[in-house]
Amino acid sequence: MAYSRLFTPRNLAFFSMFSLGGGYLTMKSRALAVKQRERGDYSVTVDRSGGGI
């Protein structure tokens, strides 16, 4: 079989850890972004406030 070298237990373990690690980092970065947005200050400077009428 041509792909037998790719599907060794060592390579599958490495790929699994890489995938799980990437998913974990993605979820943590999204959670951090949401937390910073919730904690953020929504005030703007006077020159950017849009003015009156």
C-alpha atoms as a PDB file:
ATOM      1  CA  MET A   1       0.000   0.000   0.000  1.00  0.00           C
ATOM      2  CA  ALA A   2       1.382   3.392  -0.975  1.00  0.00           C
ATOM      3  CA  TYR A   3       0.301   5.313   2.133  1.00  0.00           C
ATOM      4  CA  SER A   4       1.352   2.778   4.754  1.00  0.00           C
ATOM      5  CA  ARG A   5       4.326   4.949   5.782  1.00  0.00           C
ATOM      6  CA  LEU A   6       2.045   7.898   6.506  1.00  0.00           C
ATOM      7  CA  PHE A   7      -0.334   5.992   8.784  1.00  0.00           C
ATOM      8  CA  THR A   8       2.115   4.740  11.373  1.00  0.00           C
ATOM      9  CA  PRO A   9       1.015   4.991  15.019  1.00  0.00           C
ATOM     10  CA  ARG A  10       3.684   7.608  15.656  1.00  0.00           C
ATOM     11  CA  ASN A  11       2.493   9.843  12.808  1.00  0.00           C
ATOM     12  CA  LEU A  12      -1.147   9.457  13.798  1.00  0.00           C
ATOM     13  CA  ALA A  13      -0.317  10.387  17.391  1.00  0.00           C
ATOM     14  CA  PHE A  14       1.591  13.450  16.203  1.00  0.00           C
ATOM     15  CA  PHE A  15      -1.251  14.513  13.933  1.00  0.00           C
ATOM     16  CA  SER A  16      -3.800  14.022  16.698  1.00  0.00           C
ATOM     17  CA  MET A  17      -1.817  16.114  19.164  1.00  0.00           C
ATOM     18  CA  PHE A  18      -1.275  18.805  16.550  1.00  0.00           C
ATOM     19  CA  SER A  19      -4.996  18.939  15.746  1.00  0.00           C
ATOM     20  CA  LEU A  20      -6.095  18.982  19.376  1.00  0.00           C
ATOM     21  CA  GLY A  21      -3.514  21.639  20.231  1.00  0.00           C
ATOM     22  CA  GLY A  22      -4.628  23.831  17.347  1.00  0.00           C
ATOM     23  CA  GLY A  23      -8.268  23.491  18.353  1.00  0.00           C
ATOM     24  CA  TYR A  24      -7.420  24.336  21.956  1.00  0.00           C
ATOM     25  CA  LEU A  25      -5.471  27.451  20.973  1.00  0.00           C
ATOM     26  CA  THR A  26      -8.292  28.574  18.682  1.00  0.00           C
ATOM     27  CA  MET A  27     -10.887  28.232  21.425  1.00  0.00           C
ATOM     28  CA  LYS A  28      -8.701  30.017  23.981  1.00  0.00           C
ATOM     29  CA  SER A  29      -7.987  32.914  21.633  1.00  0.00           C
ATOM     30  CA  ARG A  30     -11.702  33.314  20.835  1.00  0.00           C
ATOM     31  CA  ALA A  31     -12.593  33.225  24.526  1.00  0.00           C
ATOM     32  CA  LEU A  32      -9.923  35.824  25.253  1.00  0.00           C
ATOM     33  CA  ALA A  33     -11.209  38.075  22.459  1.00  0.00           C
ATOM     34  CA  VAL A  34     -14.776  37.848  23.790  1.00  0.00           C
ATOM     35  CA  LYS A  35     -13.594  38.582  27.327  1.00  0.00           C
ATOM     36  CA  GLN A  36     -11.639  41.634  26.199  1.00  0.00           C
ATOM     37  CA  ARG A  37     -14.601  42.891  24.162  1.00  0.00           C
ATOM     38  CA  GLU A  38     -16.963  42.512  27.130  1.00  0.00           C
ATOM     39  CA  ARG A  39     -14.522  44.275  29.410  1.00  0.00           C
ATOM     40  CA  GLY A  40     -13.701  46.940  26.833  1.00  0.00           C
ATOM     41  CA  ASP A  41     -14.459  50.611  27.082  1.00  0.00           C
ATOM     42  CA  TYR A  42     -16.885  51.782  24.415  1.00  0.00           C
ATOM     43  CA  SER A  43     -16.281  55.503  24.921  1.00  0.00           C
ATOM     44  CA  VAL A  44     -14.945  57.555  22.021  1.00  0.00           C
ATOM     45  CA  THR A  45     -13.161  60.864  21.815  1.00  0.00           C
ATOM     46  CA  VAL A  46     -15.201  64.013  21.210  1.00  0.00           C
ATOM     47  CA  ASP A  47     -13.932  64.507  17.663  1.00  0.00           C
ATOM     48  CA  ARG A  48     -15.111  60.987  16.741  1.00  0.00           C
ATOM     49  CA  SER A  49     -18.436  61.064  18.554  1.00  0.00           C
ATOM     50  CA  GLY A  50     -20.507  62.026  15.505  1.00  0.00           C
ATOM     51  CA  GLY A  51     -21.557  65.417  16.762  1.00  0.00           C
ATOM     52  CA  GLY A  52     -25.093  66.704  17.085  1.00  0.00           C
ATOM     53  CA  ILE A  53     -27.752  66.945  14.471  1.00  0.00           C
END
